[in-house]
Amino acid sequence: MSEPKHFTAIIVAGGTGTRMNAAIPKQFLLLRGKPILMHTLEKFRRANEIILVLPESQTEQWKSLVMQHAFNIPHHIVHGGNTRYLSVKKGLAAVHQEGIVAIHDGVRPLVSTELINRCYEDAIKYGNSIPVISVPESVRSLQGETSTAEDRSRFVLVQTPQCFHTALIKKAYSGEYSPKYTDDASVLESAGIPIHLTEGERWNIKITFKEDMKVADALSDNVGE
């Protein structure tokens, strides 16, 4: 076990529910009787600090849900930006203590504390850590109207939480946005820092479409803390 460091979790939740045809933001949809976002925050309850990044327009609705469900996991709300990049940047601006920061999607409620701990430990050792899983299906690359088969062993699927030494990721986010930034690791990588890959979890799904809710509900019984 590495020497413990101050652990901050930034939970980014800016979904609108459009792709799920939902009337409310997807992070507020009920999974097993409570909002998805509450399941997610509970997984990070052992962090020293939790920063929840929400659109300002959703803050009052969240506070109402917190009261309704008697939710008692301490967290600090930061208003997000117009893009995920700006939202993470605002979340990082609220981090004032050095250590390890984990950046996680608010709609990945099935992440296990085992994976969180593994990414945290690897980040202490390597400076950063992102969870990945292998690609089980065949892969083809598109070139206009044609496509080419690719070696799927050359690719991995990237998940969150992505963990970093606080100073490193804050410095990386001090620059301007670039379209090549697909996640937090790509922001750090642009500064010339190698990214360490950690084994992820297949059930650590991101709830995006209506069908994902059914999958998450089915998996909930078999996913441990």
C-alpha atoms as a PDB file:
ATOM      1  CA  MET A   1       0.000   0.000   0.000  1.00  0.00           C
ATOM      2  CA  SER A   2       1.362   3.391  -1.020  1.00  0.00           C
ATOM      3  CA  GLU A   3       1.522   6.288   1.392  1.00  0.00           C
ATOM      4  CA  PRO A   4      -2.011   7.785   1.536  1.00  0.00           C
ATOM      5  CA  LYS A   5      -2.547  11.152  -0.108  1.00  0.00           C
ATOM      6  CA  HIS A   6      -5.408  13.626   0.066  1.00  0.00           C
ATOM      7  CA  PHE A   7      -8.024  12.191  -2.283  1.00  0.00           C
ATOM      8  CA  THR A   8     -10.439  14.483  -4.098  1.00  0.00           C
ATOM      9  CA  ALA A   9     -13.217  13.168  -6.343  1.00  0.00           C
ATOM     10  CA  ILE A  10     -14.652  15.408  -9.049  1.00  0.00           C
ATOM     11  CA  ILE A  11     -17.978  14.040 -10.268  1.00  0.00           C
ATOM     12  CA  VAL A  12     -19.032  15.604 -13.565  1.00  0.00           C
ATOM     13  CA  ALA A  13     -22.771  15.482 -14.257  1.00  0.00           C
ATOM     14  CA  GLY A  14     -24.010  17.651 -17.091  1.00  0.00           C
ATOM     15  CA  GLY A  15     -26.381  15.358 -18.980  1.00  0.00           C
ATOM     16  CA  THR A  16     -29.770  16.485 -20.229  1.00  0.00           C
ATOM     17  CA  GLY A  17     -31.484  13.159 -20.922  1.00  0.00           C
ATOM     18  CA  THR A  18     -32.019  13.972 -24.619  1.00  0.00           C
ATOM     19  CA  ARG A  19     -30.608  10.693 -25.965  1.00  0.00           C
ATOM     20  CA  MET A  20     -32.759   8.778 -23.479  1.00  0.00           C
ATOM     21  CA  ASN A  21     -35.928  10.670 -24.405  1.00  0.00           C
ATOM     22  CA  ALA A  22     -36.206  11.520 -20.718  1.00  0.00           C
ATOM     23  CA  ALA A  23     -38.028  14.532 -19.307  1.00  0.00           C
ATOM     24  CA  ILE A  24     -35.368  15.066 -16.632  1.00  0.00           C
ATOM     25  CA  PRO A  25     -31.549  15.021 -16.738  1.00  0.00           C
ATOM     26  CA  LYS A  26     -30.341  11.430 -16.950  1.00  0.00           C
ATOM     27  CA  GLN A  27     -28.247  11.692 -13.768  1.00  0.00           C
ATOM     28  CA  PHE A  28     -31.498  12.289 -11.848  1.00  0.00           C
ATOM     29  CA  LEU A  29     -33.321   9.250 -13.238  1.00  0.00           C
ATOM     30  CA  LEU A  30     -34.136   6.649 -10.607  1.00  0.00           C
ATOM     31  CA  LEU A  31     -32.070   3.471 -10.398  1.00  0.00           C
ATOM     32  CA  ARG A  32     -33.256   1.072  -7.726  1.00  0.00           C
ATOM     33  CA  GLY A  33     -35.355   3.802  -6.144  1.00  0.00           C
ATOM     34  CA  LYS A  34     -32.877   6.696  -6.050  1.00  0.00           C
ATOM     35  CA  PRO A  35     -31.182   9.002  -8.556  1.00  0.00           C
ATOM     36  CA  ILE A  36     -28.269   7.589 -10.534  1.00  0.00           C
ATOM     37  CA  LEU A  37     -26.050  10.401  -9.294  1.00  0.00           C
ATOM     38  CA  MET A  38     -26.556   9.400  -5.659  1.00  0.00           C
ATOM     39  CA  HIS A  39     -25.354   5.874  -6.399  1.00  0.00           C
ATOM     40  CA  THR A  40     -22.248   7.385  -7.987  1.00  0.00           C
ATOM     41  CA  LEU A  41     -21.427   9.740  -5.124  1.00  0.00           C
ATOM     42  CA  GLU A  42     -21.856   6.910  -2.612  1.00  0.00           C
ATOM     43  CA  LYS A  43     -19.038   4.996  -4.307  1.00  0.00           C
ATOM     44  CA  PHE A  44     -16.667   7.876  -3.514  1.00  0.00           C
ATOM     45  CA  ARG A  45     -17.734   8.381   0.101  1.00  0.00           C
ATOM     46  CA  ARG A  46     -14.242   7.429   1.319  1.00  0.00           C
ATOM     47  CA  ALA A  47     -12.674  10.349  -0.560  1.00  0.00           C
ATOM     48  CA  ASN A  48     -11.478  13.247   1.579  1.00  0.00           C
ATOM     49  CA  GLU A  49     -13.513  15.613  -0.571  1.00  0.00           C
ATOM     50  CA  ILE A  50     -16.204  15.280  -3.241  1.00  0.00           C
ATOM     51  CA  ILE A  51     -16.808  18.067  -5.741  1.00  0.00           C
ATOM     52  CA  LEU A  52     -19.991  17.723  -7.781  1.00  0.00           C
ATOM     53  CA  VAL A  53     -19.997  19.696 -11.032  1.00  0.00           C
ATOM     54  CA  LEU A  54     -23.547  20.458 -12.161  1.00  0.00           C
ATOM     55  CA  PRO A  55     -25.124  22.930 -14.593  1.00  0.00           C
ATOM     56  CA  GLU A  56     -26.381  25.901 -12.619  1.00  0.00           C
ATOM     57  CA  SER A  57     -29.873  25.263 -13.997  1.00  0.00           C
ATOM     58  CA  GLN A  58     -29.940  21.820 -12.323  1.00  0.00           C
ATOM     59  CA  THR A  59     -28.672  22.810  -8.884  1.00  0.00           C
ATOM     60  CA  GLU A  60     -32.020  23.484  -7.224  1.00  0.00           C
ATOM     61  CA  GLN A  61     -33.469  20.252  -8.581  1.00  0.00           C
ATOM     62  CA  TRP A  62     -30.506  18.346  -7.155  1.00  0.00           C
ATOM     63  CA  LYS A  63     -30.854  20.022  -3.762  1.00  0.00           C
ATOM     64  CA  SER A  64     -34.532  19.080  -3.732  1.00  0.00           C
ATOM     65  CA  LEU A  65     -33.662  15.448  -4.486  1.00  0.00           C
ATOM     66  CA  VAL A  66     -31.037  15.458  -1.714  1.00  0.00           C
ATOM     67  CA  MET A  67     -33.700  16.494   0.790  1.00  0.00           C
ATOM     68  CA  GLN A  68     -36.302  14.104  -0.622  1.00  0.00           C
ATOM     69  CA  HIS A  69     -33.991  11.082  -0.344  1.00  0.00           C
ATOM     70  CA  ALA A  70     -32.280  12.215   2.893  1.00  0.00           C
ATOM     71  CA  PHE A  71     -28.953  11.928   1.071  1.00  0.00           C
ATOM     72  CA  ASN A  72     -26.093  12.554   3.502  1.00  0.00           C
ATOM     73  CA  ILE A  73     -22.845  12.088   1.557  1.00  0.00           C
ATOM     74  CA  PRO A  74     -20.950  15.405   2.029  1.00  0.00           C
ATOM     75  CA  HIS A  75     -20.165  17.172  -1.247  1.00  0.00           C
ATOM     76  CA  HIS A  76     -19.486  20.626  -2.628  1.00  0.00           C
ATOM     77  CA  ILE A  77     -21.371  21.867  -5.712  1.00  0.00           C
ATOM     78  CA  VAL A  78     -19.591  23.729  -8.506  1.00  0.00           C
ATOM     79  CA  HIS A  79     -21.470  25.140 -11.505  1.00  0.00           C
ATOM     80  CA  GLY A  80     -20.236  23.623 -14.747  1.00  0.00           C
ATOM     81  CA  GLY A  81     -19.442  25.192 -18.106  1.00  0.00           C
ATOM     82  CA  ASN A  82     -20.845  24.779 -21.612  1.00  0.00           C
ATOM     83  CA  THR A  83     -18.566  21.810 -22.337  1.00  0.00           C
ATOM     84  CA  ARG A  84     -17.206  18.923 -20.319  1.00  0.00           C
ATOM     85  CA  TYR A  85     -13.736  20.434 -20.636  1.00  0.00           C
ATOM     86  CA  LEU A  86     -14.871  23.691 -19.036  1.00  0.00           C
ATOM     87  CA  SER A  87     -16.825  21.813 -16.371  1.00  0.00           C
ATOM     88  CA  VAL A  88     -13.769  19.795 -15.340  1.00  0.00           C
ATOM     89  CA  LYS A  89     -11.668  22.969 -15.399  1.00  0.00           C
ATOM     90  CA  LYS A  90     -14.105  24.624 -12.987  1.00  0.00           C
ATOM     91  CA  GLY A  91     -14.079  21.545 -10.774  1.00  0.00           C
ATOM     92  CA  LEU A  92     -10.283  21.566 -10.654  1.00  0.00           C
ATOM     93  CA  ALA A  93     -10.300  25.251  -9.722  1.00  0.00           C
ATOM     94  CA  ALA A  94     -12.135  24.244  -6.539  1.00  0.00           C
ATOM     95  CA  VAL A  95      -9.370  21.793  -5.552  1.00  0.00           C
ATOM     96  CA  HIS A  96      -6.979  23.522  -3.168  1.00  0.00           C
ATOM     97  CA  GLN A  97      -5.031  20.645  -1.640  1.00  0.00           C
ATOM     98  CA  GLU A  98      -2.312  18.584  -3.279  1.00  0.00           C
ATOM     99  CA  GLY A  99      -2.753  14.838  -3.573  1.00  0.00           C
ATOM    100  CA  ILE A 100      -4.698  12.672  -6.001  1.00  0.00           C
ATOM    101  CA  VAL A 101      -7.763  13.840  -7.890  1.00  0.00           C
ATOM    102  CA  ALA A 102     -10.203  11.425  -9.524  1.00  0.00           C
ATOM    103  CA  ILE A 103     -12.443  12.689 -12.332  1.00  0.00           C
ATOM    104  CA  HIS A 104     -15.509  10.516 -12.846  1.00  0.00           C
ATOM    105  CA  ASP A 105     -18.662  10.537 -14.956  1.00  0.00           C
ATOM    106  CA  GLY A 106     -21.765  11.117 -12.845  1.00  0.00           C
ATOM    107  CA  VAL A 107     -23.632   8.490 -14.846  1.00  0.00           C
ATOM    108  CA  ARG A 108     -21.226   5.618 -14.109  1.00  0.00           C
ATOM    109  CA  PRO A 109     -22.914   4.435 -10.894  1.00  0.00           C
ATOM    110  CA  LEU A 110     -21.696   0.829 -11.035  1.00  0.00           C
ATOM    111  CA  VAL A 111     -18.005   1.584 -10.538  1.00  0.00           C
ATOM    112  CA  SER A 112     -16.651  -0.483  -7.659  1.00  0.00           C
ATOM    113  CA  THR A 113     -14.635   0.888  -4.773  1.00  0.00           C
ATOM    114  CA  GLU A 114     -12.057  -1.765  -5.699  1.00  0.00           C
ATOM    115  CA  LEU A 115     -11.514  -0.094  -9.078  1.00  0.00           C
ATOM    116  CA  ILE A 116     -11.437   3.355  -7.477  1.00  0.00           C
ATOM    117  CA  ASN A 117      -8.758   2.170  -5.061  1.00  0.00           C
ATOM    118  CA  ARG A 118      -6.768   0.521  -7.858  1.00  0.00           C
ATOM    119  CA  CYS A 119      -6.729   3.700  -9.948  1.00  0.00           C
ATOM    120  CA  TYR A 120      -5.857   5.764  -6.861  1.00  0.00           C
ATOM    121  CA  GLU A 121      -2.906   3.517  -5.992  1.00  0.00           C
ATOM    122  CA  ASP A 122      -1.628   3.479  -9.570  1.00  0.00           C
ATOM    123  CA  ALA A 123      -1.889   7.269  -9.771  1.00  0.00           C
ATOM    124  CA  ILE A 124       0.262   7.604  -6.660  1.00  0.00           C
ATOM    125  CA  LYS A 125       2.851   5.308  -8.226  1.00  0.00           C
ATOM    126  CA  TYR A 126       2.800   6.490 -11.853  1.00  0.00           C
ATOM    127  CA  GLY A 127       1.447  10.037 -11.629  1.00  0.00           C
ATOM    128  CA  ASN A 128      -1.796   9.126 -13.383  1.00  0.00           C
ATOM    129  CA  SER A 129      -4.083   6.184 -14.044  1.00  0.00           C
ATOM    130  CA  ILE A 130      -7.026   5.547 -16.339  1.00  0.00           C
ATOM    131  CA  PRO A 131      -9.146   2.372 -16.340  1.00  0.00           C
ATOM    132  CA  VAL A 132      -9.486   0.544 -19.659  1.00  0.00           C
ATOM    133  CA  ILE A 133     -11.010  -2.687 -20.931  1.00  0.00           C
ATOM    134  CA  SER A 134     -10.213  -4.725 -24.024  1.00  0.00           C
ATOM    135  CA  VAL A 135     -12.406  -4.550 -27.124  1.00  0.00           C
ATOM    136  CA  PRO A 136     -14.457  -7.771 -27.407  1.00  0.00           C
ATOM    137  CA  GLU A 137     -15.901  -7.149 -30.895  1.00  0.00           C
ATOM    138  CA  SER A 138     -14.256  -6.880 -34.284  1.00  0.00           C
ATOM    139  CA  VAL A 139     -13.160  -3.371 -35.231  1.00  0.00           C
ATOM    140  CA  ARG A 140     -13.208  -1.599 -38.589  1.00  0.00           C
ATOM    141  CA  SER A 141     -11.942   1.862 -39.474  1.00  0.00           C
ATOM    142  CA  LEU A 142     -13.922   4.043 -41.860  1.00  0.00           C
ATOM    143  CA  GLN A 143     -12.475   5.796 -44.890  1.00  0.00           C
ATOM    144  CA  GLY A 144     -15.304   7.589 -46.635  1.00  0.00           C
ATOM    145  CA  GLU A 145     -17.553   4.934 -48.190  1.00  0.00           C
ATOM    146  CA  THR A 146     -15.168   2.072 -47.456  1.00  0.00           C
ATOM    147  CA  SER A 147     -13.861   0.398 -44.308  1.00  0.00           C
ATOM    148  CA  THR A 148     -10.876  -1.678 -43.236  1.00  0.00           C
ATOM    149  CA  ALA A 149     -10.597  -4.420 -40.629  1.00  0.00           C
ATOM    150  CA  GLU A 150      -8.314  -3.511 -37.733  1.00  0.00           C
ATOM    151  CA  ASP A 151      -6.448  -5.533 -35.127  1.00  0.00           C
ATOM    152  CA  ARG A 152      -8.655  -5.086 -32.062  1.00  0.00           C
ATOM    153  CA  SER A 153      -5.754  -5.990 -29.738  1.00  0.00           C
ATOM    154  CA  ARG A 154      -4.319  -2.558 -30.572  1.00  0.00           C
ATOM    155  CA  PHE A 155      -7.311  -0.795 -29.007  1.00  0.00           C
ATOM    156  CA  VAL A 156      -8.874  -0.439 -25.573  1.00  0.00           C
ATOM    157  CA  LEU A 157     -12.066   1.212 -24.322  1.00  0.00           C
ATOM    158  CA  VAL A 158     -11.497   4.009 -21.829  1.00  0.00           C
ATOM    159  CA  GLN A 159     -13.526   4.477 -18.638  1.00  0.00           C
ATOM    160  CA  THR A 160     -13.483   6.657 -15.538  1.00  0.00           C
ATOM    161  CA  PRO A 161     -12.435   7.413 -12.800  1.00  0.00           C
ATOM    162  CA  GLN A 162      -9.306   8.887 -14.300  1.00  0.00           C
ATOM    163  CA  CYS A 163      -6.882   9.702 -11.489  1.00  0.00           C
ATOM    164  CA  PHE A 164      -4.007  12.185 -11.479  1.00  0.00           C
ATOM    165  CA  HIS A 165      -1.526  13.932  -9.250  1.00  0.00           C
ATOM    166  CA  THR A 166      -3.390  17.156  -8.556  1.00  0.00           C
ATOM    167  CA  ALA A 167      -0.649  19.550  -9.663  1.00  0.00           C
ATOM    168  CA  LEU A 168      -0.148  17.716 -12.968  1.00  0.00           C
ATOM    169  CA  ILE A 169      -3.779  17.743 -14.085  1.00  0.00           C
ATOM    170  CA  LYS A 170      -4.381  21.320 -12.915  1.00  0.00           C
ATOM    171  CA  LYS A 171      -1.394  22.495 -14.951  1.00  0.00           C
ATOM    172  CA  ALA A 172      -2.595  20.549 -17.996  1.00  0.00           C
ATOM    173  CA  TYR A 173      -6.029  22.175 -17.738  1.00  0.00           C
ATOM    174  CA  SER A 174      -4.529  25.661 -17.496  1.00  0.00           C
ATOM    175  CA  GLY A 175      -4.360  25.873 -21.289  1.00  0.00           C
ATOM    176  CA  GLU A 176      -7.031  26.386 -23.920  1.00  0.00           C
ATOM    177  CA  TYR A 177      -9.451  23.744 -25.168  1.00  0.00           C
ATOM    178  CA  SER A 178      -8.531  21.626 -28.182  1.00  0.00           C
ATOM    179  CA  PRO A 179     -10.877  19.351 -30.201  1.00  0.00           C
ATOM    180  CA  LYS A 180      -8.364  16.526 -29.727  1.00  0.00           C
ATOM    181  CA  TYR A 181      -9.257  16.380 -26.036  1.00  0.00           C
ATOM    182  CA  THR A 182     -11.578  13.379 -25.779  1.00  0.00           C
ATOM    183  CA  ASP A 183     -11.123  12.867 -22.039  1.00  0.00           C
ATOM    184  CA  ASP A 184      -8.989  14.071 -19.138  1.00  0.00           C
ATOM    185  CA  ALA A 185      -6.102  11.761 -20.001  1.00  0.00           C
ATOM    186  CA  SER A 186      -5.827  13.292 -23.471  1.00  0.00           C
ATOM    187  CA  VAL A 187      -5.486  16.731 -21.861  1.00  0.00           C
ATOM    188  CA  LEU A 188      -2.574  15.516 -19.733  1.00  0.00           C
ATOM    189  CA  GLU A 189      -1.066  13.597 -22.644  1.00  0.00           C
ATOM    190  CA  SER A 190      -0.921  16.812 -24.696  1.00  0.00           C
ATOM    191  CA  ALA A 191       1.639  18.048 -22.169  1.00  0.00           C
ATOM    192  CA  GLY A 192       3.920  15.159 -23.155  1.00  0.00           C
ATOM    193  CA  ILE A 193       3.145  12.966 -20.127  1.00  0.00           C
ATOM    194  CA  PRO A 194       2.674   9.203 -20.735  1.00  0.00           C
ATOM    195  CA  ILE A 195      -0.647   7.746 -19.612  1.00  0.00           C
ATOM    196  CA  HIS A 196      -0.715   4.704 -17.341  1.00  0.00           C
ATOM    197  CA  LEU A 197      -3.440   2.156 -18.099  1.00  0.00           C
ATOM    198  CA  THR A 198      -5.184   0.263 -15.297  1.00  0.00           C
ATOM    199  CA  GLU A 199      -7.471  -2.723 -15.740  1.00  0.00           C
ATOM    200  CA  GLY A 200     -11.091  -1.511 -15.719  1.00  0.00           C
ATOM    201  CA  GLU A 201     -14.425  -3.283 -15.216  1.00  0.00           C
ATOM    202  CA  ARG A 202     -16.900  -4.357 -17.890  1.00  0.00           C
ATOM    203  CA  TRP A 203     -19.861  -3.462 -15.685  1.00  0.00           C
ATOM    204  CA  ASN A 204     -18.569   0.092 -15.188  1.00  0.00           C
ATOM    205  CA  ILE A 205     -20.931   1.292 -17.903  1.00  0.00           C
ATOM    206  CA  LYS A 206     -21.828   4.868 -18.745  1.00  0.00           C
ATOM    207  CA  ILE A 207     -25.590   5.293 -18.776  1.00  0.00           C
ATOM    208  CA  THR A 208     -26.357   7.085 -22.024  1.00  0.00           C
ATOM    209  CA  PHE A 209     -29.309   5.387 -23.701  1.00  0.00           C
ATOM    210  CA  LYS A 210     -32.625   4.067 -22.412  1.00  0.00           C
ATOM    211  CA  GLU A 211     -31.419   0.473 -22.753  1.00  0.00           C
ATOM    212  CA  ASP A 212     -28.508   1.243 -20.414  1.00  0.00           C
ATOM    213  CA  MET A 213     -30.939   1.717 -17.527  1.00  0.00           C
ATOM    214  CA  LYS A 214     -32.163  -1.863 -17.937  1.00  0.00           C
ATOM    215  CA  VAL A 215     -28.581  -3.133 -18.037  1.00  0.00           C
ATOM    216  CA  ALA A 216     -27.628  -1.121 -14.956  1.00  0.00           C
ATOM    217  CA  ASP A 217     -30.656  -2.377 -13.057  1.00  0.00           C
ATOM    218  CA  ALA A 218     -29.812  -5.985 -13.950  1.00  0.00           C
ATOM    219  CA  LEU A 219     -26.161  -5.569 -12.997  1.00  0.00           C
ATOM    220  CA  SER A 220     -26.840  -3.828  -9.683  1.00  0.00           C
ATOM    221  CA  ASP A 221     -27.424  -7.108  -7.851  1.00  0.00           C
ATOM    222  CA  ASN A 222     -24.051  -8.498  -8.896  1.00  0.00           C
ATOM    223  CA  VAL A 223     -21.830  -5.437  -8.544  1.00  0.00           C
ATOM    224  CA  GLY A 224     -20.230  -5.099  -5.152  1.00  0.00           C
ATOM    225  CA  GLU A 225     -18.971  -2.059  -3.341  1.00  0.00           C
END
